[in-house]
Amino acid sequence: MEWITYIQGPMIGLIGWAATAVLTLGARRLSATEQHSMIVFAWMLWMIPALGTLVYRGLLDINAAALYCGGTTILMAILVSIATIRWRTKP
């Protein structure tokens, strides 16, 4: 059951990101492009401290954490862009 203590930081990061995404999608003052950009940016902001807990405990090297955070942020941006293009309503 020691692994439960290791995933607390990433789980808090995922829950925080999901809550931020829900609030962002509910913001009427933001355009769709701004909402999608905020969701990607929130992913990076929540993953930095989430992966920082793994670095602090010695489970992950800081270089690996930076690469993982950057890589998943780029992947998230690509997926959001594809979803935006695919489900865009045509006038």
C-alpha atoms as a PDB file:
ATOM      1  CA  MET A   1       0.000   0.000   0.000  1.00  0.00           C
ATOM      2  CA  GLU A   2       3.016   2.245  -0.193  1.00  0.00           C
ATOM      3  CA  TRP A   3       2.176   3.140  -3.802  1.00  0.00           C
ATOM      4  CA  ILE A   4      -0.882   5.076  -2.610  1.00  0.00           C
ATOM      5  CA  THR A   5       1.390   7.640  -1.001  1.00  0.00           C
ATOM      6  CA  TYR A   6       3.271   8.014  -4.287  1.00  0.00           C
ATOM      7  CA  ILE A   7       0.253   8.834  -6.432  1.00  0.00           C
ATOM      8  CA  GLN A   8      -1.263  11.468  -4.135  1.00  0.00           C
ATOM      9  CA  GLY A   9       0.492  14.391  -5.855  1.00  0.00           C
ATOM     10  CA  PRO A  10      -0.394  13.361  -9.430  1.00  0.00           C
ATOM     11  CA  MET A  11      -3.983  12.583  -8.402  1.00  0.00           C
ATOM     12  CA  ILE A  12      -4.400  16.006  -6.797  1.00  0.00           C
ATOM     13  CA  GLY A  13      -2.957  17.494 -10.009  1.00  0.00           C
ATOM     14  CA  LEU A  14      -5.430  15.591 -12.197  1.00  0.00           C
ATOM     15  CA  ILE A  15      -8.395  16.511 -10.003  1.00  0.00           C
ATOM     16  CA  GLY A  16      -7.319  20.149  -9.905  1.00  0.00           C
ATOM     17  CA  TRP A  17      -6.885  20.228 -13.678  1.00  0.00           C
ATOM     18  CA  ALA A  18     -10.288  18.643 -14.246  1.00  0.00           C
ATOM     19  CA  ALA A  19     -11.955  21.163 -11.933  1.00  0.00           C
ATOM     20  CA  THR A  20     -10.181  24.027 -13.687  1.00  0.00           C
ATOM     21  CA  ALA A  21     -11.255  22.660 -17.080  1.00  0.00           C
ATOM     22  CA  VAL A  22     -14.889  22.445 -15.986  1.00  0.00           C
ATOM     23  CA  LEU A  23     -14.817  26.017 -14.717  1.00  0.00           C
ATOM     24  CA  THR A  24     -13.093  27.205 -17.880  1.00  0.00           C
ATOM     25  CA  LEU A  25     -15.650  25.536 -20.141  1.00  0.00           C
ATOM     26  CA  GLY A  26     -18.421  27.200 -18.145  1.00  0.00           C
ATOM     27  CA  ALA A  27     -16.971  30.694 -18.590  1.00  0.00           C
ATOM     28  CA  ARG A  28     -19.258  32.507 -21.006  1.00  0.00           C
ATOM     29  CA  ARG A  29     -16.942  35.495 -21.496  1.00  0.00           C
ATOM     30  CA  LEU A  30     -14.232  33.365 -23.096  1.00  0.00           C
ATOM     31  CA  SER A  31     -14.343  32.333 -26.728  1.00  0.00           C
ATOM     32  CA  ALA A  32     -13.968  28.655 -27.621  1.00  0.00           C
ATOM     33  CA  THR A  33     -10.341  29.178 -28.631  1.00  0.00           C
ATOM     34  CA  GLU A  34      -9.565  30.927 -25.344  1.00  0.00           C
ATOM     35  CA  GLN A  35     -11.272  28.138 -23.391  1.00  0.00           C
ATOM     36  CA  HIS A  36      -9.223  25.477 -25.142  1.00  0.00           C
ATOM     37  CA  SER A  37      -6.006  27.428 -24.634  1.00  0.00           C
ATOM     38  CA  MET A  38      -6.773  27.839 -20.928  1.00  0.00           C
ATOM     39  CA  ILE A  39      -7.378  24.097 -20.572  1.00  0.00           C
ATOM     40  CA  VAL A  40      -3.961  23.297 -22.075  1.00  0.00           C
ATOM     41  CA  PHE A  41      -2.267  25.972 -19.959  1.00  0.00           C
ATOM     42  CA  ALA A  42      -4.012  24.693 -16.810  1.00  0.00           C
ATOM     43  CA  TRP A  43      -2.674  21.203 -17.570  1.00  0.00           C
ATOM     44  CA  MET A  44       0.877  22.500 -17.451  1.00  0.00           C
ATOM     45  CA  LEU A  45       0.251  24.531 -14.296  1.00  0.00           C
ATOM     46  CA  TRP A  46      -1.240  21.567 -12.426  1.00  0.00           C
ATOM     47  CA  MET A  47       1.314  19.014 -13.624  1.00  0.00           C
ATOM     48  CA  ILE A  48       4.370  20.994 -12.501  1.00  0.00           C
ATOM     49  CA  PRO A  49       3.604  20.597  -8.757  1.00  0.00           C
ATOM     50  CA  ALA A  50       2.076  17.138  -9.290  1.00  0.00           C
ATOM     51  CA  LEU A  51       5.301  15.835 -10.809  1.00  0.00           C
ATOM     52  CA  GLY A  52       7.294  17.870  -8.313  1.00  0.00           C
ATOM     53  CA  THR A  53       6.028  15.597  -5.553  1.00  0.00           C
ATOM     54  CA  LEU A  54       7.505  12.608  -7.373  1.00  0.00           C
ATOM     55  CA  VAL A  55      10.815  14.437  -7.799  1.00  0.00           C
ATOM     56  CA  TYR A  56      10.806  15.413  -4.125  1.00  0.00           C
ATOM     57  CA  ARG A  57      10.309  11.788  -3.069  1.00  0.00           C
ATOM     58  CA  GLY A  58      13.088  10.645  -5.374  1.00  0.00           C
ATOM     59  CA  LEU A  59      10.860   8.560  -7.635  1.00  0.00           C
ATOM     60  CA  LEU A  60      11.471  10.659 -10.732  1.00  0.00           C
ATOM     61  CA  ASP A  61      14.477  12.569 -11.999  1.00  0.00           C
ATOM     62  CA  ILE A  62      13.900  16.293 -12.521  1.00  0.00           C
ATOM     63  CA  ASN A  63      14.866  16.006 -16.201  1.00  0.00           C
ATOM     64  CA  ALA A  64      12.383  13.187 -16.723  1.00  0.00           C
ATOM     65  CA  ALA A  65       9.675  15.198 -14.960  1.00  0.00           C
ATOM     66  CA  ALA A  66      10.350  18.228 -17.171  1.00  0.00           C
ATOM     67  CA  LEU A  67      10.255  16.086 -20.313  1.00  0.00           C
ATOM     68  CA  TYR A  68       7.061  14.370 -19.207  1.00  0.00           C
ATOM     69  CA  CYS A  69       5.363  17.673 -18.362  1.00  0.00           C
ATOM     70  CA  GLY A  70       6.446  19.258 -21.646  1.00  0.00           C
ATOM     71  CA  GLY A  71       5.575  16.209 -23.707  1.00  0.00           C
ATOM     72  CA  THR A  72       2.132  15.747 -22.224  1.00  0.00           C
ATOM     73  CA  THR A  73       1.423  19.466 -22.598  1.00  0.00           C
ATOM     74  CA  ILE A  74       2.318  19.315 -26.287  1.00  0.00           C
ATOM     75  CA  LEU A  75       0.219  16.164 -26.697  1.00  0.00           C
ATOM     76  CA  MET A  76      -2.683  17.857 -24.914  1.00  0.00           C
ATOM     77  CA  ALA A  77      -2.407  20.883 -27.219  1.00  0.00           C
ATOM     78  CA  ILE A  78      -2.434  18.637 -30.305  1.00  0.00           C
ATOM     79  CA  LEU A  79      -5.458  16.672 -29.078  1.00  0.00           C
ATOM     80  CA  VAL A  80      -7.393  19.818 -28.202  1.00  0.00           C
ATOM     81  CA  SER A  81      -6.560  21.310 -31.612  1.00  0.00           C
ATOM     82  CA  ILE A  82      -7.722  18.188 -33.429  1.00  0.00           C
ATOM     83  CA  ALA A  83     -10.917  18.065 -31.388  1.00  0.00           C
ATOM     84  CA  THR A  84     -11.570  21.744 -32.053  1.00  0.00           C
ATOM     85  CA  ILE A  85     -11.118  21.331 -35.805  1.00  0.00           C
ATOM     86  CA  ARG A  86     -13.169  18.153 -35.945  1.00  0.00           C
ATOM     87  CA  TRP A  87     -16.177  19.378 -33.979  1.00  0.00           C
ATOM     88  CA  ARG A  88     -16.229  22.954 -35.191  1.00  0.00           C
ATOM     89  CA  THR A  89     -19.679  23.919 -36.436  1.00  0.00           C
ATOM     90  CA  LYS A  90     -19.773  25.055 -40.035  1.00  0.00           C
ATOM     91  CA  PRO A  91     -21.777  28.209 -40.790  1.00  0.00           C
END
